C-alpha cells in the first residue's frame, strides 16, 4: 500500500510526520508533497525532514512555493506533475490543507 500526504500548512507538519512514520512502521510506502506553507514548514524543520528521509519516505516540495527557501537536501523540488503522480499512484491520500 502507498500513502500520499499533501502538506499545505505549517501547523500540520507534526501530524504529517506522525502519520508517515506510522505508515512506514506498517511497511507502507509513503510520499509527501509540500506546497504553499508546507514548504516553509519543511524548510524550518530539518530534524523532521531527516526523520522522514531516514524512514525512506519520498519528499517533494513545489518549486514555485519554495522559491527562496533553503530546503533540506532530502527534499526534491518538484511540480504539480509530481503532486499529480503521488495522488494517482497512492492507495490513500491525506490532504493537510
PDB file of N, CA and C in Angstrom:
ATOM      1  N   UNK A   1       0.849  -1.176   0.000  1.00  0.00           N
ATOM      2  CA  UNK A   1       0.000   0.000   0.000  1.00  0.00           C
ATOM      3  C   UNK A   1       0.889   1.231   0.000  1.00  0.00           C
ATOM      4  N   UNK A   2       0.434   2.268  -0.682  1.00  0.00           N
ATOM      5  CA  UNK A   2       1.161   3.531  -0.724  1.00  0.00           C
ATOM      6  C   UNK A   2       0.268   4.636  -0.170  1.00  0.00           C
ATOM      7  N   UNK A   3       0.839   5.415   0.752  1.00  0.00           N
ATOM      8  CA  UNK A   3       0.151   6.556   1.345  1.00  0.00           C
ATOM      9  C   UNK A   3       0.750   7.833   0.783  1.00  0.00           C
ATOM     10  N   UNK A   4      -0.101   8.694   0.259  1.00  0.00           N
ATOM     11  CA  UNK A   4       0.317  10.014  -0.189  1.00  0.00           C
ATOM     12  C   UNK A   4      -0.142  11.050   0.819  1.00  0.00           C
ATOM     13  N   UNK A   5       0.748  11.967   1.156  1.00  0.00           N
ATOM     14  CA  UNK A   5       0.410  13.046   2.089  1.00  0.00           C
ATOM     15  C   UNK A   5       0.685  14.368   1.391  1.00  0.00           C
ATOM     16  N   UNK A   6      -0.333  15.207   1.315  1.00  0.00           N
ATOM     17  CA  UNK A   6      -0.194  16.548   0.760  1.00  0.00           C
ATOM     18  C   UNK A   6      -0.201  17.516   1.945  1.00  0.00           C
ATOM     19  N   UNK A   7       0.864  18.284   2.063  1.00  0.00           N
ATOM     20  CA  UNK A   7       1.012  19.217   3.181  1.00  0.00           C
ATOM     21  C   UNK A   7       1.034  20.643   2.661  1.00  0.00           C
ATOM     22  N   UNK A   8       0.048  21.426   3.064  1.00  0.00           N
ATOM     23  CA  UNK A   8      -0.021  22.814   2.600  1.00  0.00           C
ATOM     24  C   UNK A   8      -0.082  23.810   3.759  1.00  0.00           C
ATOM     25  N   UNK A   9       0.166  23.335   4.979  1.00  0.00           N
ATOM     26  CA  UNK A   9       0.128  24.209   6.159  1.00  0.00           C
ATOM     27  C   UNK A   9       1.375  23.991   7.006  1.00  0.00           C
ATOM     28  N   UNK A  10       1.723  24.992   7.797  1.00  0.00           N
ATOM     29  CA  UNK A  10       2.847  24.841   8.724  1.00  0.00           C
ATOM     30  C   UNK A  10       2.445  24.035   9.945  1.00  0.00           C
ATOM     31  N   UNK A  11       1.268  24.296  10.444  1.00  0.00           N
ATOM     32  CA  UNK A  11       0.836  23.703  11.702  1.00  0.00           C
ATOM     33  C   UNK A  11       0.598  22.209  11.668  1.00  0.00           C
ATOM     34  N   UNK A  12       0.456  21.636  10.482  1.00  0.00           N
ATOM     35  CA  UNK A  12       0.173  20.204  10.373  1.00  0.00           C
ATOM     36  C   UNK A  12       1.404  19.347  10.111  1.00  0.00           C
ATOM     37  N   UNK A  13       2.596  19.930  10.131  1.00  0.00           N
ATOM     38  CA  UNK A  13       3.794  19.144   9.864  1.00  0.00           C
ATOM     39  C   UNK A  13       3.939  17.999  10.860  1.00  0.00           C
ATOM     40  N   UNK A  14       3.700  18.243  12.129  1.00  0.00           N
ATOM     41  CA  UNK A  14       3.800  17.189  13.137  1.00  0.00           C
ATOM     42  C   UNK A  14       2.854  16.038  12.855  1.00  0.00           C
ATOM     43  N   UNK A  15       1.644  16.361  12.418  1.00  0.00           N
ATOM     44  CA  UNK A  15       0.672  15.316  12.060  1.00  0.00           C
ATOM     45  C   UNK A  15       1.167  14.525  10.853  1.00  0.00           C
ATOM     46  N   UNK A  16       1.694  15.237   9.869  1.00  0.00           N
ATOM     47  CA  UNK A  16       2.189  14.569   8.663  1.00  0.00           C
ATOM     48  C   UNK A  16       3.332  13.620   9.007  1.00  0.00           C
ATOM     49  N   UNK A  17       4.241  14.058   9.857  1.00  0.00           N
ATOM     50  CA  UNK A  17       5.373  13.216  10.257  1.00  0.00           C
ATOM     51  C   UNK A  17       4.879  11.986  11.004  1.00  0.00           C
ATOM     52  N   UNK A  18       3.982  12.186  11.947  1.00  0.00           N
ATOM     53  CA  UNK A  18       3.468  11.060  12.733  1.00  0.00           C
ATOM     54  C   UNK A  18       2.752  10.042  11.843  1.00  0.00           C
ATOM     55  N   UNK A  19       1.927  10.518  10.924  1.00  0.00           N
ATOM     56  CA  UNK A  19       1.217   9.623  10.011  1.00  0.00           C
ATOM     57  C   UNK A  19       2.188   8.876   9.098  1.00  0.00           C
ATOM     58  N   UNK A  20       3.161   9.600   8.573  1.00  0.00           N
ATOM     59  CA  UNK A  20       4.129   8.984   7.662  1.00  0.00           C
ATOM     60  C   UNK A  20       4.953   7.920   8.384  1.00  0.00           C
ATOM     61  N   UNK A  21       5.414   8.215   9.580  1.00  0.00           N
ATOM     62  CA  UNK A  21       6.235   7.246  10.307  1.00  0.00           C
ATOM     63  C   UNK A  21       5.418   6.028  10.729  1.00  0.00           C
ATOM     64  N   UNK A  22       4.158   6.235  11.103  1.00  0.00           N
ATOM     65  CA  UNK A  22       3.293   5.101  11.447  1.00  0.00           C
ATOM     66  C   UNK A  22       3.075   4.214  10.218  1.00  0.00           C
ATOM     67  N   UNK A  23       2.884   4.836   9.075  1.00  0.00           N
ATOM     68  CA  UNK A  23       2.694   4.065   7.842  1.00  0.00           C
ATOM     69  C   UNK A  23       3.960   3.286   7.487  1.00  0.00           C
ATOM     70  N   UNK A  24       5.105   3.900   7.665  1.00  0.00           N
ATOM     71  CA  UNK A  24       6.360   3.202   7.370  1.00  0.00           C
ATOM     72  C   UNK A  24       6.577   2.030   8.338  1.00  0.00           C
ATOM     73  N   UNK A  25       6.219   2.210   9.611  1.00  0.00           N
ATOM     74  CA  UNK A  25       6.334   1.102  10.572  1.00  0.00           C
ATOM     75  C   UNK A  25       5.450  -0.066  10.153  1.00  0.00           C
ATOM     76  N   UNK A  26       4.339   0.241   9.485  1.00  0.00           N
ATOM     77  CA  UNK A  26       3.442  -0.797   8.971  1.00  0.00           C
ATOM     78  C   UNK A  26       3.899  -1.284   7.587  1.00  0.00           C
ATOM     79  N   UNK A  27       5.065  -0.843   7.163  1.00  0.00           N
ATOM     80  CA  UNK A  27       5.695  -1.257   5.899  1.00  0.00           C
ATOM     81  C   UNK A  27       4.968  -0.762   4.646  1.00  0.00           C
ATOM     82  N   UNK A  28       4.305   0.382   4.777  1.00  0.00           N
ATOM     83  CA  UNK A  28       3.668   1.003   3.623  1.00  0.00           C
ATOM     84  C   UNK A  28       4.636   2.005   3.000  1.00  0.00           C
ATOM     85  N   UNK A  29       4.524   2.212   1.710  1.00  0.00           N
ATOM     86  CA  UNK A  29       5.273   3.272   1.042  1.00  0.00           C
ATOM     87  C   UNK A  29       4.642   4.611   1.407  1.00  0.00           C
ATOM     88  N   UNK A  30       5.463   5.655   1.476  1.00  0.00           N
ATOM     89  CA  UNK A  30       4.945   6.995   1.795  1.00  0.00           C
ATOM     90  C   UNK A  30       5.608   8.020   0.880  1.00  0.00           C
ATOM     91  N   UNK A  31       4.782   8.899   0.324  1.00  0.00           N
ATOM     92  CA  UNK A  31       5.264  10.029  -0.457  1.00  0.00           C
ATOM     93  C   UNK A  31       4.592  11.292   0.078  1.00  0.00           C
ATOM     94  N   UNK A  32       5.399  12.314   0.308  1.00  0.00           N
ATOM     95  CA  UNK A  32       4.901  13.590   0.834  1.00  0.00           C
ATOM     96  C   UNK A  32       5.132  14.665  -0.219  1.00  0.00           C
ATOM     97  N   UNK A  33       4.089  15.441  -0.487  1.00  0.00           N
ATOM     98  CA  UNK A  33       4.218  16.587  -1.380  1.00  0.00           C
ATOM     99  C   UNK A  33       3.833  17.830  -0.597  1.00  0.00           C
ATOM    100  N   UNK A  34       4.775  18.756  -0.467  1.00  0.00           N
ATOM    101  CA  UNK A  34       4.517  20.010   0.252  1.00  0.00           C
ATOM    102  C   UNK A  34       4.321  21.142  -0.743  1.00  0.00           C
ATOM    103  N   UNK A  35       3.375  21.996  -0.431  1.00  0.00           N
ATOM    104  CA  UNK A  35       3.158  23.197  -1.241  1.00  0.00           C
ATOM    105  C   UNK A  35       2.734  24.325  -0.313  1.00  0.00           C
ATOM    106  N   UNK A  36       2.786  25.528  -0.818  1.00  0.00           N
ATOM    107  CA  UNK A  36       2.401  26.706  -0.057  1.00  0.00           C
ATOM    108  C   UNK A  36       3.149  26.731   1.273  1.00  0.00           C
ATOM    109  N   UNK A  37       2.469  26.902   2.383  1.00  0.00           N
ATOM    110  CA  UNK A  37       3.129  26.994   3.687  1.00  0.00           C
ATOM    111  C   UNK A  37       3.778  25.679   4.111  1.00  0.00           C
ATOM    112  N   UNK A  38       3.390  24.577   3.494  1.00  0.00           N
ATOM    113  CA  UNK A  38       4.025  23.297   3.788  1.00  0.00           C
ATOM    114  C   UNK A  38       5.505  23.309   3.431  1.00  0.00           C
ATOM    115  N   UNK A  39       5.873  24.038   2.394  1.00  0.00           N
ATOM    116  CA  UNK A  39       7.287  24.165   2.026  1.00  0.00           C
ATOM    117  C   UNK A  39       8.061  24.899   3.111  1.00  0.00           C
ATOM    118  N   UNK A  40       7.456  25.954   3.655  1.00  0.00           N
ATOM    119  CA  UNK A  40       8.088  26.682   4.754  1.00  0.00           C
ATOM    120  C   UNK A  40       8.254  25.773   5.966  1.00  0.00           C
ATOM    121  N   UNK A  41       7.252  24.939   6.221  1.00  0.00           N
ATOM    122  CA  UNK A  41       7.323  24.008   7.351  1.00  0.00           C
ATOM    123  C   UNK A  41       8.516  23.069   7.195  1.00  0.00           C
ATOM    124  N   UNK A  42       8.722  22.525   6.001  1.00  0.00           N
ATOM    125  CA  UNK A  42       9.861  21.633   5.778  1.00  0.00           C
ATOM    126  C   UNK A  42      11.188  22.374   5.918  1.00  0.00           C
ATOM    127  N   UNK A  43      11.248  23.593   5.395  1.00  0.00           N
ATOM    128  CA  UNK A  43      12.483  24.377   5.481  1.00  0.00           C
ATOM    129  C   UNK A  43      12.840  24.706   6.934  1.00  0.00           C
ATOM    130  N   UNK A  44      11.826  24.884   7.754  1.00  0.00           N
ATOM    131  CA  UNK A  44      12.045  25.266   9.151  1.00  0.00           C
ATOM    132  C   UNK A  44      12.238  24.075  10.085  1.00  0.00           C
ATOM    133  N   UNK A  45      12.123  22.860   9.578  1.00  0.00           N
ATOM    134  CA  UNK A  45      12.180  21.674  10.439  1.00  0.00           C
ATOM    135  C   UNK A  45      13.094  20.596   9.853  1.00  0.00           C
ATOM    136  N   UNK A  46      14.402  20.874   9.770  1.00  0.00           N
ATOM    137  CA  UNK A  46      15.300  19.885   9.184  1.00  0.00           C
ATOM    138  C   UNK A  46      15.329  18.561   9.950  1.00  0.00           C
ATOM    139  N   UNK A  47      15.092  18.582  11.249  1.00  0.00           N
ATOM    140  CA  UNK A  47      15.075  17.331  12.020  1.00  0.00           C
ATOM    141  C   UNK A  47      13.888  16.453  11.616  1.00  0.00           C
ATOM    142  N   UNK A  48      12.742  17.062  11.395  1.00  0.00           N
ATOM    143  CA  UNK A  48      11.562  16.313  10.948  1.00  0.00           C
ATOM    144  C   UNK A  48      11.794  15.737   9.556  1.00  0.00           C
ATOM    145  N   UNK A  49      12.403  16.522   8.693  1.00  0.00           N
ATOM    146  CA  UNK A  49      12.716  16.042   7.343  1.00  0.00           C
ATOM    147  C   UNK A  49      13.683  14.861   7.428  1.00  0.00           C
ATOM    148  N   UNK A  50      14.668  14.956   8.310  1.00  0.00           N
ATOM    149  CA  UNK A  50      15.633  13.863   8.473  1.00  0.00           C
ATOM    150  C   UNK A  50      14.943  12.585   8.944  1.00  0.00           C
ATOM    151  N   UNK A  51      13.984  12.724   9.852  1.00  0.00           N
ATOM    152  CA  UNK A  51      13.227  11.552  10.306  1.00  0.00           C
ATOM    153  C   UNK A  51      12.501  10.884   9.146  1.00  0.00           C
ATOM    154  N   UNK A  52      11.870  11.694   8.329  1.00  0.00           N
ATOM    155  CA  UNK A  52      11.132  11.162   7.178  1.00  0.00           C
ATOM    156  C   UNK A  52      12.080  10.526   6.166  1.00  0.00           C
ATOM    157  N   UNK A  53      13.186  11.186   5.902  1.00  0.00           N
ATOM    158  CA  UNK A  53      14.156  10.649   4.949  1.00  0.00           C
ATOM    159  C   UNK A  53      14.761   9.345   5.474  1.00  0.00           C
ATOM    160  N   UNK A  54      15.083   9.301   6.758  1.00  0.00           N
ATOM    161  CA  UNK A  54      15.644   8.086   7.357  1.00  0.00           C
ATOM    162  C   UNK A  54      14.660   6.919   7.305  1.00  0.00           C
ATOM    163  N   UNK A  55      13.365   7.241   7.264  1.00  0.00           N
ATOM    164  CA  UNK A  55      12.331   6.206   7.183  1.00  0.00           C
ATOM    165  C   UNK A  55      12.003   5.854   5.728  1.00  0.00           C
ATOM    166  N   UNK A  56      12.775   6.389   4.786  1.00  0.00           N
ATOM    167  CA  UNK A  56      12.596   6.127   3.351  1.00  0.00           C
ATOM    168  C   UNK A  56      11.290   6.661   2.782  1.00  0.00           C
ATOM    169  N   UNK A  57      10.860   7.816   3.262  1.00  0.00           N
ATOM    170  CA  UNK A  57       9.709   8.498   2.668  1.00  0.00           C
ATOM    171  C   UNK A  57      10.207   9.335   1.486  1.00  0.00           C
ATOM    172  N   UNK A  58       9.409   9.403   0.435  1.00  0.00           N
ATOM    173  CA  UNK A  58       9.720  10.288  -0.678  1.00  0.00           C
ATOM    174  C   UNK A  58       9.254  11.690  -0.290  1.00  0.00           C
ATOM    175  N   UNK A  59      10.088  12.691  -0.508  1.00  0.00           N
ATOM    176  CA  UNK A  59       9.762  14.059  -0.101  1.00  0.00           C
ATOM    177  C   UNK A  59       9.904  15.001  -1.287  1.00  0.00           C
ATOM    178  N   UNK A  60       8.806  15.688  -1.609  1.00  0.00           N
ATOM    179  CA  UNK A  60       8.795  16.657  -2.693  1.00  0.00           C
ATOM    180  C   UNK A  60       8.263  17.989  -2.168  1.00  0.00           C
ATOM    181  N   UNK A  61       8.778  19.065  -2.740  1.00  0.00           N
ATOM    182  CA  UNK A  61       8.247  20.404  -2.459  1.00  0.00           C
ATOM    183  C   UNK A  61       7.974  21.094  -3.780  1.00  0.00           C
ATOM    184  N   UNK A  62       6.870  21.778  -3.854  1.00  0.00           N
ATOM    185  CA  UNK A  62       6.513  22.537  -5.048  1.00  0.00           C
ATOM    186  C   UNK A  62       7.567  23.623  -5.286  1.00  0.00           C
ATOM    187  N   UNK A  63       8.191  23.587  -6.443  1.00  0.00           N
ATOM    188  CA  UNK A  63       9.243  24.558  -6.761  1.00  0.00           C
ATOM    189  C   UNK A  63       8.750  25.997  -6.687  1.00  0.00           C
ATOM    190  N   UNK A  64       7.533  26.236  -7.160  1.00  0.00           N
ATOM    191  CA  UNK A  64       7.001  27.601  -7.125  1.00  0.00           C
ATOM    192  C   UNK A  64       6.798  28.091  -5.702  1.00  0.00           C
ATOM    193  N   UNK A  65       6.301  27.216  -4.821  1.00  0.00           N
ATOM    194  CA  UNK A  65       6.070  27.604  -3.433  1.00  0.00           C
ATOM    195  C   UNK A  65       7.359  27.726  -2.644  1.00  0.00           C
ATOM    196  N   UNK A  66       8.413  27.061  -3.113  1.00  0.00           N
ATOM    197  CA  UNK A  66       9.667  27.014  -2.362  1.00  0.00           C
ATOM    198  C   UNK A  66      10.710  28.019  -2.851  1.00  0.00           C
ATOM    199  N   UNK A  67      10.313  28.930  -3.716  1.00  0.00           N
ATOM    200  CA  UNK A  67      11.262  29.929  -4.209  1.00  0.00           C
ATOM    201  C   UNK A  67      11.862  30.684  -3.024  1.00  0.00           C
ATOM    202  N   UNK A  68      13.189  30.739  -2.986  1.00  0.00           N
ATOM    203  CA  UNK A  68      13.888  31.478  -1.942  1.00  0.00           C
ATOM    204  C   UNK A  68      14.077  30.711  -0.643  1.00  0.00           C
ATOM    205  N   UNK A  69      13.567  29.495  -0.563  1.00  0.00           N
ATOM    206  CA  UNK A  69      13.708  28.704   0.661  1.00  0.00           C
ATOM    207  C   UNK A  69      14.912  27.770   0.557  1.00  0.00           C
ATOM    208  N   UNK A  70      15.592  27.598   1.665  1.00  0.00           N
ATOM    209  CA  UNK A  70      16.680  26.626   1.757  1.00  0.00           C
ATOM    210  C   UNK A  70      16.090  25.332   2.300  1.00  0.00           C
ATOM    211  N   UNK A  71      15.753  24.428   1.410  1.00  0.00           N
ATOM    212  CA  UNK A  71      15.168  23.154   1.818  1.00  0.00           C
ATOM    213  C   UNK A  71      16.273  22.154   2.148  1.00  0.00           C
ATOM    214  N   UNK A  72      16.022  21.251   3.094  1.00  0.00           N
ATOM    215  CA  UNK A  72      16.998  20.195   3.365  1.00  0.00           C
ATOM    216  C   UNK A  72      17.237  19.363   2.098  1.00  0.00           C
ATOM    217  N   UNK A  73      18.428  18.783   1.995  1.00  0.00           N
ATOM    218  CA  UNK A  73      18.814  18.034   0.797  1.00  0.00           C
ATOM    219  C   UNK A  73      17.882  16.884   0.466  1.00  0.00           C
ATOM    220  N   UNK A  74      17.242  16.308   1.459  1.00  0.00           N
ATOM    221  CA  UNK A  74      16.369  15.150   1.232  1.00  0.00           C
ATOM    222  C   UNK A  74      15.081  15.517   0.495  1.00  0.00           C
ATOM    223  N   UNK A  75      14.778  16.804   0.418  1.00  0.00           N
ATOM    224  CA  UNK A  75      13.542  17.260  -0.233  1.00  0.00           C
ATOM    225  C   UNK A  75      13.839  17.603  -1.690  1.00  0.00           C
ATOM    226  N   UNK A  76      13.146  16.932  -2.598  1.00  0.00           N
ATOM    227  CA  UNK A  76      13.308  17.215  -4.020  1.00  0.00           C
ATOM    228  C   UNK A  76      12.332  18.311  -4.436  1.00  0.00           C
ATOM    229  N   UNK A  77      12.822  19.232  -5.210  1.00  0.00           N
ATOM    230  CA  UNK A  77      11.935  20.262  -5.754  1.00  0.00           C
ATOM    231  C   UNK A  77      11.189  19.665  -6.931  1.00  0.00           C
ATOM    232  N   UNK A  78       9.893  19.857  -6.929  1.00  0.00           N
ATOM    233  CA  UNK A  78       9.074  19.267  -7.976  1.00  0.00           C
ATOM    234  C   UNK A  78       8.022  20.236  -8.454  1.00  0.00           C
ATOM    235  N   UNK A  79       7.046  19.685  -9.142  1.00  0.00           N
ATOM    236  CA  UNK A  79       5.979  20.495  -9.738  1.00  0.00           C
ATOM    237  C   UNK A  79       4.639  19.846  -9.440  1.00  0.00           C
ATOM    238  N   UNK A  80       3.602  20.443  -9.974  1.00  0.00           N
ATOM    239  CA  UNK A  80       2.288  19.863  -9.802  1.00  0.00           C
ATOM    240  C   UNK A  80       2.182  18.524 -10.537  1.00  0.00           C
ATOM    241  N   UNK A  81       3.087  18.261 -11.457  1.00  0.00           N
ATOM    242  CA  UNK A  81       3.140  16.930 -12.075  1.00  0.00           C
ATOM    243  C   UNK A  81       3.514  15.879 -11.028  1.00  0.00           C
ATOM    244  N   UNK A  82       4.456  16.219 -10.142  1.00  0.00           N
ATOM    245  CA  UNK A  82       4.832  15.294  -9.064  1.00  0.00           C
ATOM    246  C   UNK A  82       3.670  15.107  -8.098  1.00  0.00           C
ATOM    247  N   UNK A  83       2.986  16.203  -7.803  1.00  0.00           N
ATOM    248  CA  UNK A  83       1.796  16.142  -6.948  1.00  0.00           C
ATOM    249  C   UNK A  83       0.768  15.194  -7.557  1.00  0.00           C
ATOM    250  N   UNK A  84       0.507  15.370  -8.843  1.00  0.00           N
ATOM    251  CA  UNK A  84      -0.476  14.528  -9.528  1.00  0.00           C
ATOM    252  C   UNK A  84      -0.030  13.064  -9.539  1.00  0.00           C
ATOM    253  N   UNK A  85       1.258  12.821  -9.732  1.00  0.00           N
ATOM    254  CA  UNK A  85       1.766  11.450  -9.753  1.00  0.00           C
ATOM    255  C   UNK A  85       1.601  10.779  -8.399  1.00  0.00           C
ATOM    256  N   UNK A  86       1.839  11.517  -7.330  1.00  0.00           N
ATOM    257  CA  UNK A  86       1.662  10.958  -5.982  1.00  0.00           C
ATOM    258  C   UNK A  86       0.201  10.609  -5.757  1.00  0.00           C
ATOM    259  N   UNK A  87      -0.674  11.527  -6.093  1.00  0.00           N
ATOM    260  CA  UNK A  87      -2.108  11.282  -5.905  1.00  0.00           C
ATOM    261  C   UNK A  87      -2.580  10.108  -6.755  1.00  0.00           C
ATOM    262  N   UNK A  88      -2.101  10.024  -7.978  1.00  0.00           N
ATOM    263  CA  UNK A  88      -2.547   8.969  -8.890  1.00  0.00           C
ATOM    264  C   UNK A  88      -2.042   7.584  -8.489  1.00  0.00           C
ATOM    265  N   UNK A  89      -0.856   7.515  -7.890  1.00  0.00           N
ATOM    266  CA  UNK A  89      -0.267   6.211  -7.574  1.00  0.00           C
ATOM    267  C   UNK A  89      -0.476   5.775  -6.128  1.00  0.00           C
ATOM    268  N   UNK A  90      -1.065   6.626  -5.314  1.00  0.00           N
ATOM    269  CA  UNK A  90      -1.293   6.288  -3.911  1.00  0.00           C
ATOM    270  C   UNK A  90      -2.617   5.554  -3.740  1.00  0.00           C
ATOM    271  N   UNK A  91      -2.609   4.604  -2.821  1.00  0.00           N
ATOM    272  CA  UNK A  91      -3.855   3.907  -2.495  1.00  0.00           C
ATOM    273  C   UNK A  91      -4.754   4.778  -1.618  1.00  0.00           C
ATOM    274  N   UNK A  92      -4.128   5.588  -0.786  1.00  0.00           N
ATOM    275  CA  UNK A  92      -4.837   6.528   0.085  1.00  0.00           C
ATOM    276  C   UNK A  92      -4.072   7.836   0.088  1.00  0.00           C
ATOM    277  N   UNK A  93      -4.798   8.955   0.144  1.00  0.00           N
ATOM    278  CA  UNK A  93      -4.173  10.271   0.183  1.00  0.00           C
ATOM    279  C   UNK A  93      -4.762  11.047   1.352  1.00  0.00           C
ATOM    280  N   UNK A  94      -3.883  11.666   2.111  1.00  0.00           N
ATOM    281  CA  UNK A  94      -4.308  12.527   3.211  1.00  0.00           C
ATOM    282  C   UNK A  94      -3.889  13.945   2.829  1.00  0.00           C
ATOM    283  N   UNK A  95      -4.842  14.863   2.803  1.00  0.00           N
ATOM    284  CA  UNK A  95      -4.564  16.262   2.476  1.00  0.00           C
ATOM    285  C   UNK A  95      -4.635  17.098   3.741  1.00  0.00           C
ATOM    286  N   UNK A  96      -3.525  17.670   4.118  1.00  0.00           N
ATOM    287  CA  UNK A  96      -3.462  18.554   5.278  1.00  0.00           C
ATOM    288  C   UNK A  96      -3.355  19.974   4.733  1.00  0.00           C
ATOM    289  N   UNK A  97      -4.534  20.561   4.505  1.00  0.00           N
ATOM    290  CA  UNK A  97      -4.596  21.852   3.830  1.00  0.00           C
ATOM    291  C   UNK A  97      -5.375  22.864   4.629  1.00  0.00           C
TER     292      UNK A  97
END
